[in-house]
Amino acid sequence: QVQLVESGGGLVQAGGSLRLSCVASGNIFVFDHMGWYRQTAGNERELVAEITRGGSTNYADSVKGRFTISRDLAKNAVNLRMSSLKPEDTAFYYCNAYSNINYWGQGTQVTVSS
């Protein structure tokens, strides 16, 4: 009964910043990977950023230099700091955690206006 609870989505103007947070609850453990994906209508869910239990990170090219992912292993929490937001960043963002099984949050809408 793992649950991933997200917060931080909303409306922001281009050039602004948002911080997404995701905290695992329930029958939790230290996940091998945690990360953020995003999806727009009619498109597949794509990786935005991920971080391993060892702290290695990986970012989509489109967000490098603008987004920063961080993790608290003890709390099984992952955060995504988003800066210099662009309209093309508009999407539904999902928290992901993986250890043999993929776990997903409910998702949160991020809308960036021009």
C-alpha atoms as a PDB file:
ATOM      1  CA  GLN A   1       0.000   0.000   0.000  1.00  0.00           C
ATOM      2  CA  VAL A   2       2.679   2.474  -1.024  1.00  0.00           C
ATOM      3  CA  GLN A   3       1.372   5.942  -1.701  1.00  0.00           C
ATOM      4  CA  LEU A   4       3.193   8.847  -3.286  1.00  0.00           C
ATOM      5  CA  VAL A   5       1.782  12.193  -2.235  1.00  0.00           C
ATOM      6  CA  GLU A   6       2.631  15.172  -4.417  1.00  0.00           C
ATOM      7  CA  SER A   7       2.358  18.892  -3.912  1.00  0.00           C
ATOM      8  CA  GLY A   8       3.508  22.101  -5.546  1.00  0.00           C
ATOM      9  CA  GLY A   9       1.791  22.156  -8.919  1.00  0.00           C
ATOM     10  CA  GLY A  10      -0.068  25.178 -10.186  1.00  0.00           C
ATOM     11  CA  LEU A  11      -0.025  28.154 -12.500  1.00  0.00           C
ATOM     12  CA  VAL A  12       3.081  30.204 -13.128  1.00  0.00           C
ATOM     13  CA  GLN A  13       4.174  32.758 -15.690  1.00  0.00           C
ATOM     14  CA  ALA A  14       7.006  32.058 -18.095  1.00  0.00           C
ATOM     15  CA  GLY A  15      10.329  32.632 -16.405  1.00  0.00           C
ATOM     16  CA  GLY A  16       8.943  31.803 -13.003  1.00  0.00           C
ATOM     17  CA  SER A  17       9.671  28.937 -10.654  1.00  0.00           C
ATOM     18  CA  LEU A  18       7.840  26.110  -8.947  1.00  0.00           C
ATOM     19  CA  ARG A  19       8.900  23.342  -6.614  1.00  0.00           C
ATOM     20  CA  LEU A  20       7.257  19.948  -6.731  1.00  0.00           C
ATOM     21  CA  SER A  21       7.468  17.632  -3.746  1.00  0.00           C
ATOM     22  CA  CYS A  22       6.677  13.946  -3.404  1.00  0.00           C
ATOM     23  CA  VAL A  23       6.647  11.976  -0.170  1.00  0.00           C
ATOM     24  CA  ALA A  24       6.130   8.231   0.074  1.00  0.00           C
ATOM     25  CA  SER A  25       3.867   6.808   2.750  1.00  0.00           C
ATOM     26  CA  GLY A  26       2.449   3.439   3.734  1.00  0.00           C
ATOM     27  CA  ASN A  27       4.557   0.304   3.362  1.00  0.00           C
ATOM     28  CA  ILE A  28       7.618   2.235   2.323  1.00  0.00           C
ATOM     29  CA  PHE A  29      11.227   1.294   1.786  1.00  0.00           C
ATOM     30  CA  VAL A  30      14.272   2.830   0.137  1.00  0.00           C
ATOM     31  CA  PHE A  31      13.518   2.893  -3.572  1.00  0.00           C
ATOM     32  CA  ASP A  32      16.220   2.196  -6.137  1.00  0.00           C
ATOM     33  CA  HIS A  33      15.104   5.182  -8.198  1.00  0.00           C
ATOM     34  CA  MET A  34      12.789   8.106  -7.700  1.00  0.00           C
ATOM     35  CA  GLY A  35      11.916  10.682 -10.271  1.00  0.00           C
ATOM     36  CA  TRP A  36       9.478  12.867 -12.119  1.00  0.00           C
ATOM     37  CA  TYR A  37       7.685  12.268 -15.383  1.00  0.00           C
ATOM     38  CA  ARG A  38       5.337  14.496 -17.312  1.00  0.00           C
ATOM     39  CA  GLN A  39       2.604  13.931 -19.828  1.00  0.00           C
ATOM     40  CA  THR A  40       0.438  16.005 -22.126  1.00  0.00           C
ATOM     41  CA  ALA A  41      -2.802  14.936 -23.778  1.00  0.00           C
ATOM     42  CA  GLY A  42      -2.231  12.471 -26.586  1.00  0.00           C
ATOM     43  CA  ASN A  43       1.435  11.939 -25.765  1.00  0.00           C
ATOM     44  CA  GLU A  44       3.359   9.326 -23.850  1.00  0.00           C
ATOM     45  CA  ARG A  45       4.662   9.934 -20.378  1.00  0.00           C
ATOM     46  CA  GLU A  46       8.251  11.136 -20.543  1.00  0.00           C
ATOM     47  CA  LEU A  47      11.058  11.239 -18.021  1.00  0.00           C
ATOM     48  CA  VAL A  48      11.902  14.682 -16.691  1.00  0.00           C
ATOM     49  CA  ALA A  49      14.453  13.810 -14.032  1.00  0.00           C
ATOM     50  CA  GLU A  50      15.441  10.855 -11.884  1.00  0.00           C
ATOM     51  CA  ILE A  51      17.749  10.132  -8.987  1.00  0.00           C
ATOM     52  CA  THR A  52      19.110   6.856  -7.633  1.00  0.00           C
ATOM     53  CA  ARG A  53      19.575   5.851  -4.022  1.00  0.00           C
ATOM     54  CA  GLY A  54      23.257   6.667  -4.507  1.00  0.00           C
ATOM     55  CA  GLY A  55      22.498  10.199  -5.635  1.00  0.00           C
ATOM     56  CA  SER A  56      23.181   9.869  -9.352  1.00  0.00           C
ATOM     57  CA  THR A  57      20.907  12.083 -11.421  1.00  0.00           C
ATOM     58  CA  ASN A  58      19.643  12.119 -14.959  1.00  0.00           C
ATOM     59  CA  TYR A  59      17.732  14.915 -16.677  1.00  0.00           C
ATOM     60  CA  ALA A  60      15.913  15.311 -19.930  1.00  0.00           C
ATOM     61  CA  ASP A  61      17.906  17.560 -22.237  1.00  0.00           C
ATOM     62  CA  SER A  62      15.034  20.017 -22.362  1.00  0.00           C
ATOM     63  CA  VAL A  63      15.265  20.758 -18.637  1.00  0.00           C
ATOM     64  CA  LYS A  64      19.004  20.596 -17.964  1.00  0.00           C
ATOM     65  CA  GLY A  65      20.212  23.705 -16.225  1.00  0.00           C
ATOM     66  CA  ARG A  66      16.690  24.721 -15.257  1.00  0.00           C
ATOM     67  CA  PHE A  67      15.398  21.845 -13.131  1.00  0.00           C
ATOM     68  CA  THR A  68      17.074  20.280 -10.122  1.00  0.00           C
ATOM     69  CA  ILE A  69      16.058  17.006  -8.517  1.00  0.00           C
ATOM     70  CA  SER A  70      16.891  16.097  -4.933  1.00  0.00           C
ATOM     71  CA  ARG A  71      16.101  13.217  -2.610  1.00  0.00           C
ATOM     72  CA  ASP A  72      15.881  12.429   1.071  1.00  0.00           C
ATOM     73  CA  LEU A  73      16.569   8.705   1.406  1.00  0.00           C
ATOM     74  CA  ALA A  74      15.421   8.463   5.013  1.00  0.00           C
ATOM     75  CA  LYS A  75      12.079  10.081   4.231  1.00  0.00           C
ATOM     76  CA  ASN A  76      11.679   8.499   0.802  1.00  0.00           C
ATOM     77  CA  ALA A  77      10.977  11.940  -0.544  1.00  0.00           C
ATOM     78  CA  VAL A  78      11.906  13.503  -3.849  1.00  0.00           C
ATOM     79  CA  ASN A  79      11.686  17.120  -4.916  1.00  0.00           C
ATOM     80  CA  LEU A  80      11.920  18.910  -8.229  1.00  0.00           C
ATOM     81  CA  ARG A  81      12.927  22.539  -8.315  1.00  0.00           C
ATOM     82  CA  MET A  82      11.840  24.085 -11.593  1.00  0.00           C
ATOM     83  CA  SER A  83      13.222  27.441 -12.667  1.00  0.00           C
ATOM     84  CA  SER A  84      13.047  29.549 -15.821  1.00  0.00           C
ATOM     85  CA  LEU A  85       9.824  27.803 -16.715  1.00  0.00           C
ATOM     86  CA  LYS A  86       8.642  27.837 -20.313  1.00  0.00           C
ATOM     87  CA  PRO A  87       5.178  27.308 -21.806  1.00  0.00           C
ATOM     88  CA  GLU A  88       6.408  23.993 -23.228  1.00  0.00           C
ATOM     89  CA  ASP A  89       6.911  22.780 -19.654  1.00  0.00           C
ATOM     90  CA  THR A  90       3.129  22.752 -19.270  1.00  0.00           C
ATOM     91  CA  ALA A  91       2.088  19.179 -18.501  1.00  0.00           C
ATOM     92  CA  PHE A  92       0.735  16.841 -15.877  1.00  0.00           C
ATOM     93  CA  TYR A  93       3.668  15.847 -13.683  1.00  0.00           C
ATOM     94  CA  TYR A  94       3.887  12.464 -11.972  1.00  0.00           C
ATOM     95  CA  CYS A  95       6.109  11.303  -9.160  1.00  0.00           C
ATOM     96  CA  ASN A  96       7.658   7.888  -9.719  1.00  0.00           C
ATOM     97  CA  ALA A  97       9.406   5.421  -7.443  1.00  0.00           C
ATOM     98  CA  TYR A  98      10.927   2.120  -8.490  1.00  0.00           C
ATOM     99  CA  SER A  99      12.167  -1.007  -6.746  1.00  0.00           C
ATOM    100  CA  ASN A 100      11.135  -4.051  -8.795  1.00  0.00           C
ATOM    101  CA  ILE A 101       7.739  -2.389  -9.140  1.00  0.00           C
ATOM    102  CA  ASN A 102       6.894   1.074 -10.425  1.00  0.00           C
ATOM    103  CA  TYR A 103       4.851   3.248  -8.113  1.00  0.00           C
ATOM    104  CA  TRP A 104       3.121   6.404  -9.278  1.00  0.00           C
ATOM    105  CA  GLY A 105       1.660   9.460  -7.662  1.00  0.00           C
ATOM    106  CA  GLN A 106      -1.686  10.918  -8.633  1.00  0.00           C
ATOM    107  CA  GLY A 107      -0.002  13.635 -10.650  1.00  0.00           C
ATOM    108  CA  THR A 108      -0.187  17.388 -10.444  1.00  0.00           C
ATOM    109  CA  GLN A 109      -0.835  19.943 -13.156  1.00  0.00           C
ATOM    110  CA  VAL A 110       1.831  22.487 -14.017  1.00  0.00           C
ATOM    111  CA  THR A 111       0.730  25.268 -16.345  1.00  0.00           C
ATOM    112  CA  VAL A 112       3.145  27.907 -17.598  1.00  0.00           C
ATOM    113  CA  SER A 113       1.602  30.944 -19.238  1.00  0.00           C
ATOM    114  CA  SER A 114       3.288  33.264 -21.717  1.00  0.00           C
END
